[in-house]
Structures are given as structure tokens and as C-alpha cells.
C-alpha atoms as a PDB file:
ATOM      1  CA  MET A   1      19.814  40.313  22.918  1.00  0.00           C
ATOM      2  CA  PRO A   2      17.964  39.527  26.187  1.00  0.00           C
ATOM      3  CA  ARG A   3      16.451  36.143  26.820  1.00  0.00           C
ATOM      4  CA  PHE A   4      12.732  35.834  26.304  1.00  0.00           C
ATOM      5  CA  MET A   5      10.045  33.221  26.008  1.00  0.00           C
ATOM      6  CA  LEU A   6       6.927  33.201  23.881  1.00  0.00           C
ATOM      7  CA  PRO A   7       3.557  31.685  24.779  1.00  0.00           C
ATOM      8  CA  LEU A   8       3.186  28.148  23.495  1.00  0.00           C
ATOM      9  CA  ALA A   9      -0.234  28.873  22.048  1.00  0.00           C
ATOM     10  CA  PHE A  10       1.267  31.407  19.658  1.00  0.00           C
ATOM     11  CA  TRP A  11       4.879  30.561  18.822  1.00  0.00           C
ATOM     12  CA  PHE A  12       7.119  27.559  18.432  1.00  0.00           C
ATOM     13  CA  ALA A  13      10.008  29.392  16.816  1.00  0.00           C
ATOM     14  CA  VAL A  14      10.547  32.639  15.026  1.00  0.00           C
ATOM     15  CA  ILE A  15      11.660  32.236  11.431  1.00  0.00           C
ATOM     16  CA  VAL A  16      13.006  35.377   9.815  1.00  0.00           C
ATOM     17  CA  PRO A  17      13.429  35.019   6.051  1.00  0.00           C
ATOM     18  CA  GLY A  18      16.340  37.089   4.781  1.00  0.00           C
ATOM     19  CA  SER A  19      16.613  39.460   7.760  1.00  0.00           C
ATOM     20  CA  SER A  20      19.112  39.924  10.547  1.00  0.00           C
ATOM     21  CA  LEU A  21      18.357  38.384  13.905  1.00  0.00           C
ATOM     22  CA  ALA A  22      19.902  41.477  15.462  1.00  0.00           C
ATOM     23  CA  GLN A  23      16.821  43.381  14.323  1.00  0.00           C
ATOM     24  CA  MET A  24      14.602  41.305  16.575  1.00  0.00           C
ATOM     25  CA  ASP A  25      13.254  43.283  19.549  1.00  0.00           C
ATOM     26  CA  ALA A  26      13.055  40.917  22.514  1.00  0.00           C
ATOM     27  CA  GLY A  27      10.115  42.845  23.874  1.00  0.00           C
ATOM     28  CA  ASP A  28       8.150  42.590  20.628  1.00  0.00           C
ATOM     29  CA  PRO A  29       8.543  39.338  18.680  1.00  0.00           C
ATOM     30  CA  HIS A  30       6.001  40.468  16.066  1.00  0.00           C
ATOM     31  CA  VAL A  31       8.674  41.635  13.636  1.00  0.00           C
ATOM     32  CA  ALA A  32       7.882  42.313   9.975  1.00  0.00           C
ATOM     33  CA  GLY A  33       8.905  39.310   7.906  1.00  0.00           C
ATOM     34  CA  ALA A  34       8.849  36.854  10.802  1.00  0.00           C
ATOM     35  CA  VAL A  35       6.861  33.663  10.327  1.00  0.00           C
ATOM     36  CA  ALA A  36       5.062  32.431  13.453  1.00  0.00           C
ATOM     37  CA  CYS A  37       4.662  28.738  14.166  1.00  0.00           C
ATOM     38  CA  ALA A  38       1.204  28.866  15.705  1.00  0.00           C
ATOM     39  CA  ASP A  39      -1.088  26.089  16.854  1.00  0.00           C
ATOM     40  CA  SER A  40      -2.803  24.666  13.796  1.00  0.00           C
ATOM     41  CA  PRO A  41      -6.517  25.534  13.542  1.00  0.00           C
ATOM     42  CA  THR A  42      -6.936  21.933  12.363  1.00  0.00           C
ATOM     43  CA  PRO A  43      -5.308  19.797  15.100  1.00  0.00           C
ATOM     44  CA  GLY A  44      -2.967  17.195  13.668  1.00  0.00           C
ATOM     45  CA  LYS A  45      -2.566  18.854  10.268  1.00  0.00           C
ATOM     46  CA  ARG A  46      -0.709  21.897   8.905  1.00  0.00           C
ATOM     47  CA  PRO A  47      -2.921  24.170   6.798  1.00  0.00           C
ATOM     48  CA  PRO A  48      -1.431  24.839   3.335  1.00  0.00           C
ATOM     49  CA  ASN A  49      -1.383  28.597   3.986  1.00  0.00           C
ATOM     50  CA  LEU A  50       0.963  28.235   6.988  1.00  0.00           C
ATOM     51  CA  ASP A  51       4.676  27.553   6.500  1.00  0.00           C
ATOM     52  CA  CYS A  52       4.945  26.296  10.062  1.00  0.00           C
ATOM     53  CA  ALA A  53       2.373  24.973  12.522  1.00  0.00           C
ATOM     54  CA  VAL A  54       2.267  23.208  15.872  1.00  0.00           C
ATOM     55  CA  LEU A  55       0.170  20.174  14.983  1.00  0.00           C
ATOM     56  CA  LEU A  56      -0.418  18.568  18.339  1.00  0.00           C
ATOM     57  CA  HIS A  57       0.111  18.721  22.107  1.00  0.00           C
ATOM     58  CA  LYS A  58      -0.091  15.330  23.823  1.00  0.00           C
ATOM     59  CA  ASN A  59       0.191  14.804  27.572  1.00  0.00           C
ATOM     60  CA  PHE A  60       1.027  11.493  29.230  1.00  0.00           C
ATOM     61  CA  ASP A  61       2.032  10.390  32.717  1.00  0.00           C
ATOM     62  CA  VAL A  62       4.870   7.859  32.545  1.00  0.00           C
ATOM     63  CA  LEU A  63       7.824   7.437  30.216  1.00  0.00           C
ATOM     64  CA  PRO A  64       7.927   4.022  28.511  1.00  0.00           C
ATOM     65  CA  PRO A  65      10.707   1.652  29.578  1.00  0.00           C
ATOM     66  CA  GLY A  66      13.963   2.761  27.967  1.00  0.00           C
ATOM     67  CA  PRO A  67      16.370   3.358  26.378  1.00  0.00           C
ATOM     68  CA  LEU A  68      13.976   5.188  24.081  1.00  0.00           C
ATOM     69  CA  VAL A  69      13.664   6.088  20.414  1.00  0.00           C
ATOM     70  CA  TRP A  70      11.050   7.776  18.262  1.00  0.00           C
ATOM     71  CA  ARG A  71       9.408   5.394  15.771  1.00  0.00           C
ATOM     72  CA  PHE A  72       7.777   6.828  12.632  1.00  0.00           C
ATOM     73  CA  GLU A  73       5.076   4.739  10.925  1.00  0.00           C
ATOM     74  CA  ASN A  74       2.328   5.287   8.358  1.00  0.00           C
ATOM     75  CA  PHE A  75      -1.273   4.082   8.444  1.00  0.00           C
ATOM     76  CA  ALA A  76      -4.017   4.132   5.838  1.00  0.00           C
ATOM     77  CA  THR A  77      -6.371   6.142   8.076  1.00  0.00           C
ATOM     78  CA  THR A  78      -6.223   8.271  11.195  1.00  0.00           C
ATOM     79  CA  GLU A  79      -8.662   5.850  12.854  1.00  0.00           C
ATOM     80  CA  ALA A  80      -6.259   2.955  12.297  1.00  0.00           C
ATOM     81  CA  ALA A  81      -3.343   4.989  13.618  1.00  0.00           C
ATOM     82  CA  HIS A  82      -5.244   5.963  16.754  1.00  0.00           C
ATOM     83  CA  GLY A  83      -6.166   2.319  17.248  1.00  0.00           C
ATOM     84  CA  ALA A  84      -2.477   1.397  17.375  1.00  0.00           C
ATOM     85  CA  SER A  85      -1.368   4.368  19.479  1.00  0.00           C
ATOM     86  CA  THR A  86      -0.001   4.310  23.006  1.00  0.00           C
ATOM     87  CA  PRO A  87      -0.105   7.015  25.709  1.00  0.00           C
ATOM     88  CA  ALA A  88       3.307   8.147  24.390  1.00  0.00           C
ATOM     89  CA  SER A  89       2.219   8.312  20.729  1.00  0.00           C
ATOM     90  CA  ALA A  90       1.049  11.123  18.468  1.00  0.00           C
ATOM     91  CA  VAL A  91      -1.071  10.874  15.312  1.00  0.00           C
ATOM     92  CA  VAL A  92      -0.668  13.596  12.673  1.00  0.00           C
ATOM     93  CA  GLU A  93      -1.031  14.102   8.930  1.00  0.00           C
ATOM     94  CA  ALA A  94       1.846  15.364   6.807  1.00  0.00           C
ATOM     95  CA  GLY A  95       3.049  14.956   3.244  1.00  0.00           C
ATOM     96  CA  GLY A  96      -0.233  13.354   2.240  1.00  0.00           C
ATOM     97  CA  LYS A  97       0.191  10.532   4.768  1.00  0.00           C
ATOM     98  CA  VAL A  98      -1.074   9.579   8.235  1.00  0.00           C
ATOM     99  CA  TRP A  99       1.738   9.269  10.772  1.00  0.00           C
ATOM    100  CA  LEU A 100       1.905   7.428  14.062  1.00  0.00           C
ATOM    101  CA  ILE A 101       4.951   8.681  15.965  1.00  0.00           C
ATOM    102  CA  THR A 102       5.705   6.641  19.075  1.00  0.00           C
ATOM    103  CA  LEU A 103       8.150   7.027  21.929  1.00  0.00           C
ATOM    104  CA  ALA A 104       9.208   3.454  22.677  1.00  0.00           C
ATOM    105  CA  ALA A 105      12.034   0.984  23.076  1.00  0.00           C
ATOM    106  CA  LYS A 106      14.131   0.318  19.985  1.00  0.00           C
ATOM    107  CA  GLY A 107      12.991  -2.361  17.545  1.00  0.00           C
ATOM    108  CA  GLY A 108       9.238  -2.351  18.174  1.00  0.00           C
ATOM    109  CA  ARG A 109       6.612  -2.195  15.451  1.00  0.00           C
ATOM    110  CA  SER A 110       2.899  -1.309  15.509  1.00  0.00           C
ATOM    111  CA  LYS A 111       0.444  -3.831  14.138  1.00  0.00           C
ATOM    112  CA  GLY A 112      -0.903  -2.835  10.742  1.00  0.00           C
ATOM    113  CA  ALA A 113       1.652  -0.061  10.239  1.00  0.00           C
ATOM    114  CA  THR A 114       4.075   0.640   7.440  1.00  0.00           C
ATOM    115  CA  PHE A 115       7.398   1.228   9.152  1.00  0.00           C
ATOM    116  CA  VAL A 116       9.216   4.374   7.964  1.00  0.00           C
ATOM    117  CA  ALA A 117      12.074   5.212  10.329  1.00  0.00           C
ATOM    118  CA  GLU A 118      13.427   4.894  13.822  1.00  0.00           C
ATOM    119  CA  THR A 119      15.849   7.287  15.504  1.00  0.00           C
ATOM    120  CA  GLU A 120      19.042   6.383  17.248  1.00  0.00           C
ATOM    121  CA  LEU A 121      18.692   6.211  21.036  1.00  0.00           C
ATOM    122  CA  LEU A 122      17.387   9.569  22.227  1.00  0.00           C
ATOM    123  CA  PRO A 123      19.347  11.905  24.473  1.00  0.00           C
ATOM    124  CA  PRO A 124      18.094  11.718  28.080  1.00  0.00           C
ATOM    125  CA  ILE A 125      14.616  13.058  28.802  1.00  0.00           C
ATOM    126  CA  PRO A 126      14.679  15.033  32.079  1.00  0.00           C
ATOM    127  CA  ARG A 127      12.360  13.410  34.595  1.00  0.00           C
ATOM    128  CA  GLY A 128       9.157  15.105  35.661  1.00  0.00           C
ATOM    129  CA  PRO A 129       5.783  14.425  37.298  1.00  0.00           C
ATOM    130  CA  ASN A 130       4.276  14.073  33.806  1.00  0.00           C
ATOM    131  CA  TYR A 131       5.212  14.793  30.215  1.00  0.00           C
ATOM    132  CA  GLU A 132       4.161  16.532  27.030  1.00  0.00           C
ATOM    133  CA  ILE A 133       4.830  15.752  23.378  1.00  0.00           C
ATOM    134  CA  ILE A 134       4.738  18.666  20.948  1.00  0.00           C
ATOM    135  CA  VAL A 135       4.641  17.791  17.232  1.00  0.00           C
ATOM    136  CA  SER A 136       5.178  20.495  14.623  1.00  0.00           C
ATOM    137  CA  GLN A 137       5.755  20.754  10.887  1.00  0.00           C
ATOM    138  CA  ALA A 138       7.596  23.432   8.920  1.00  0.00           C
ATOM    139  CA  ASN A 139       8.098  23.749   5.161  1.00  0.00           C
ATOM    140  CA  ILE A 140      10.671  26.537   4.807  1.00  0.00           C
ATOM    141  CA  GLY A 141      13.368  27.527   2.348  1.00  0.00           C
ATOM    142  CA  PRO A 142      17.125  28.020   2.653  1.00  0.00           C
ATOM    143  CA  GLY A 143      16.652  31.766   3.122  1.00  0.00           C
ATOM    144  CA  ALA A 144      14.796  31.277   6.398  1.00  0.00           C
ATOM    145  CA  LYS A 145      16.641  32.020   9.621  1.00  0.00           C
ATOM    146  CA  VAL A 146      15.509  30.426  12.870  1.00  0.00           C
ATOM    147  CA  MET A 147      16.360  32.179  16.134  1.00  0.00           C
ATOM    148  CA  THR A 148      18.784  30.495  18.505  1.00  0.00           C
ATOM    149  CA  HIS A 149      16.900  28.608  21.188  1.00  0.00           C
ATOM    150  CA  LYS A 150      16.839  25.595  23.496  1.00  0.00           C
ATOM    151  CA  HIS A 151      14.232  23.131  24.766  1.00  0.00           C
ATOM    152  CA  SER A 152      13.633  21.543  28.166  1.00  0.00           C
ATOM    153  CA  GLY A 153      13.516  18.113  26.486  1.00  0.00           C
ATOM    154  CA  PRO A 154      15.250  16.538  23.484  1.00  0.00           C
ATOM    155  CA  GLU A 155      14.119  17.626  20.020  1.00  0.00           C
ATOM    156  CA  THR A 156      13.856  15.235  17.063  1.00  0.00           C
ATOM    157  CA  TRP A 157      13.298  15.814  13.352  1.00  0.00           C
ATOM    158  CA  TYR A 158      12.137  13.582  10.505  1.00  0.00           C
ATOM    159  CA  LEU A 159      12.774  15.222   7.131  1.00  0.00           C
ATOM    160  CA  LEU A 160      10.121  14.774   4.468  1.00  0.00           C
ATOM    161  CA  THR A 161      12.070  16.813   1.887  1.00  0.00           C
ATOM    162  CA  GLY A 162      15.228  18.903   1.679  1.00  0.00           C
ATOM    163  CA  GLU A 163      18.261  19.187   3.937  1.00  0.00           C
ATOM    164  CA  GLN A 164      19.154  20.844   7.216  1.00  0.00           C
ATOM    165  CA  CYS A 165      22.140  21.439   9.450  1.00  0.00           C
ATOM    166  CA  LEU A 166      21.863  22.008  13.182  1.00  0.00           C
ATOM    167  CA  GLU A 167      24.657  23.848  14.952  1.00  0.00           C
ATOM    168  CA  LEU A 168      25.210  22.968  18.607  1.00  0.00           C
ATOM    169  CA  PRO A 169      27.913  24.465  20.854  1.00  0.00           C
ATOM    170  CA  ASP A 170      30.355  21.637  20.115  1.00  0.00           C
ATOM    171  CA  ARG A 171      29.391  20.322  16.676  1.00  0.00           C
ATOM    172  CA  ALA A 172      27.100  20.472  13.656  1.00  0.00           C
ATOM    173  CA  ILE A 173      24.793  17.626  12.657  1.00  0.00           C
ATOM    174  CA  ARG A 174      23.069  17.183   9.306  1.00  0.00           C
ATOM    175  CA  ALA A 175      20.096  15.326   7.873  1.00  0.00           C
ATOM    176  CA  ARG A 176      18.301  15.068   4.544  1.00  0.00           C
ATOM    177  CA  ALA A 177      14.977  13.698   3.277  1.00  0.00           C
ATOM    178  CA  GLY A 178      14.156  10.331   4.836  1.00  0.00           C
ATOM    179  CA  GLN A 179      16.525  10.804   7.781  1.00  0.00           C
ATOM    180  CA  THR A 180      16.115  11.700  11.453  1.00  0.00           C
ATOM    181  CA  MET A 181      18.248  13.714  13.840  1.00  0.00           C
ATOM    182  CA  SER A 182      17.994  14.689  17.503  1.00  0.00           C
ATOM    183  CA  ALA A 183      19.369  17.352  19.846  1.00  0.00           C
ATOM    184  CA  PRO A 184      19.794  17.107  23.637  1.00  0.00           C
ATOM    185  CA  ALA A 185      17.669  18.906  26.204  1.00  0.00           C
ATOM    186  CA  GLU A 186      18.809  22.291  27.548  1.00  0.00           C
ATOM    187  CA  THR A 187      21.272  22.741  24.676  1.00  0.00           C
ATOM    188  CA  VAL A 188      21.417  25.950  22.651  1.00  0.00           C
ATOM    189  CA  MET A 189      21.026  25.412  18.919  1.00  0.00           C
ATOM    190  CA  LYS A 190      20.795  27.140  15.572  1.00  0.00           C
ATOM    191  CA  LEU A 191      18.877  25.480  12.728  1.00  0.00           C
ATOM    192  CA  ASN A 192      19.999  26.124   9.156  1.00  0.00           C
ATOM    193  CA  ILE A 193      18.159  25.066   5.993  1.00  0.00           C
ATOM    194  CA  VAL A 194      20.830  24.075   3.470  1.00  0.00           C
ATOM    195  CA  GLY A 195      20.823  23.144  -0.196  1.00  0.00           C
ATOM    196  CA  SER A 196      18.741  24.812  -2.881  1.00  0.00           C
ATOM    197  CA  ALA A 197      15.290  23.400  -2.076  1.00  0.00           C
ATOM    198  CA  LYS A 198      12.755  23.940   0.685  1.00  0.00           C
ATOM    199  CA  ARG A 199      12.916  21.648   3.666  1.00  0.00           C
ATOM    200  CA  ASP A 200       9.692  20.069   4.923  1.00  0.00           C
ATOM    201  CA  ALA A 201      10.010  18.302   8.273  1.00  0.00           C
ATOM    202  CA  LEU A 202       8.122  16.948  11.229  1.00  0.00           C
ATOM    203  CA  PHE A 203       9.787  17.849  14.516  1.00  0.00           C
ATOM    204  CA  LEU A 204       9.030  16.852  18.082  1.00  0.00           C
ATOM    205  CA  VAL A 205       9.934  17.798  21.628  1.00  0.00           C
ATOM    206  CA  VAL A 206       9.167  15.586  24.631  1.00  0.00           C
ATOM    207  CA  HIS A 207       9.621  17.256  28.001  1.00  0.00           C
ATOM    208  CA  ASP A 208       8.556  17.631  31.610  1.00  0.00           C
ATOM    209  CA  SER A 209       5.199  19.357  31.170  1.00  0.00           C
ATOM    210  CA  SER A 210       5.686  21.442  34.329  1.00  0.00           C
ATOM    211  CA  LYS A 211       8.476  23.388  32.603  1.00  0.00           C
ATOM    212  CA  SER A 212       8.544  25.840  29.738  1.00  0.00           C
ATOM    213  CA  TRP A 213       9.571  23.791  26.722  1.00  0.00           C
ATOM    214  CA  ASN A 214      10.984  26.471  24.395  1.00  0.00           C
ATOM    215  CA  THR A 215      13.296  29.364  25.278  1.00  0.00           C
ATOM    216  CA  PHE A 216      14.971  31.811  22.906  1.00  0.00           C
ATOM    217  CA  VAL A 217      18.543  32.551  23.964  1.00  0.00           C
ATOM    218  CA  ASP A 218      21.320  35.015  23.256  1.00  0.00           C
ATOM    219  CA  TRP A 219      24.008  32.814  21.701  1.00  0.00           C
ATOM    220  CA  GLN A 220      26.328  33.463  18.783  1.00  0.00           C
ATOM    221  CA  PRO A 221      26.929  30.352  16.626  1.00  0.00           C
ATOM    222  CA  LYS A 222      30.369  29.758  15.135  1.00  0.00           C
ATOM    223  CA  GLY A 223      29.013  29.128  11.629  1.00  0.00           C
ATOM    224  CA  LEU A 224      29.851  25.408  11.669  1.00  0.00           C
ATOM    225  CA  CYS A 225      27.086  24.655   9.163  1.00  0.00           C
ATOM    226  CA  GLN A 226      28.778  26.927   6.616  1.00  0.00           C
ATOM    227  CA  GLU A 227      32.084  25.044   6.799  1.00  0.00           C
END
């Protein structure tokens, strides 16, 4: 299958419930049964009629001093979350809560926040003249199949419900509700929803905003998540 890229305004990933990825036509991603991850019509919040939505695009100029992690915190209101935000923060709503997600050094806390989680140190973020954070949310079941792809910056997930397994060229990594996981930049990957329940997750990419951030690739996983 040839490589192709989709416009950011329309697609984050292509999720194909119960169908073969080989049926995807690289010249026409609008395949019957595919679920688009479009920009949310309500910025910062996924509408209940969309399984997947890009919640927010946030641009900033300078990476915070590192090494860096993503910090996930809750606030009572969006106004309070915005008041505690930094240039490298994003404020979204998911799972009935207001989230402040901040790229920062390990161990910090925002005033007035309820701390939820902090990732391990992130894989390196390729340097650029400026940067973009993309925050998305997807609530999809174990029958969904996500096309193999890569990003120009590291991707991170925080799972609200369910379980997932991410296959990379050299390993598989897993996470369940309440946990985080990250994947390096420019690394092909295949996301698998595992277990019997739907998986609801926030996921983020931070990257050099001068580059395309999402690319679908022709790569055949080894099936490590099924072992």
C-alpha cells in the first residue's frame, strides 16, 4: 500500500472496524466503515456522536526546560484550568472532567489542581522553529483497527477506560485505565484495542509545527500484541 498523508483538518487516523486494511485505497481514504477523527466542532470537547475527535491544536514557541514529561491534572472549571496553564499546556474536557495537560519537567504541580498522572520521561522531541500540540480523544472498541502510521513527534496516551497494546518495530507496550504510555517520534506503530470493553483515551502529539505530524505508512506488524 503506498504511503499517503491526510489533511490535519479532516483526519487524525483512520479506524476501520472489522475490515481489512488491505481494502483501503490510498488514493481515497473515504472507505465505507472507516471512522474519521475530525476536528471537533466544539473545540476542547468530543461530541457524543463522534467516536474520535481532534480536540485542540495549540502552538507555542519554545520547549520548556527538560527532560520533559506530560502532566495530567483536573480542575473544577475550564476558567481555572486556563488560569493555571502555560504556553506548553492544553485545556480539554473528557470523561466529565476538565483536564490541564502540561509539557513540563518531572515533579511539578499546578496550583489549585487535582493531580492525576505524570508520564515517564518523554522520548526526544525533534527540535524546530516552533511547536504544536495536538490533543485528541477516541472511544473505540476492540473490533476497531487503526492504520499503521508514524508521527513527527512523540505520541502519548492517557487511558480513561479500557486497555490497549501498541506494536512498535522492536516491541509491544501496553496500558490500561489510569495509565499512560508514549511512543517515539518517526517510529511506525500499530495500535490495538485489547480486552472486551471499549477503550476511551486522550492522546497527544507534540512536534515541530513546520512538519507534517501524521503519516500513514506501509508496514506489516508482527502481531506482537496477540502474543
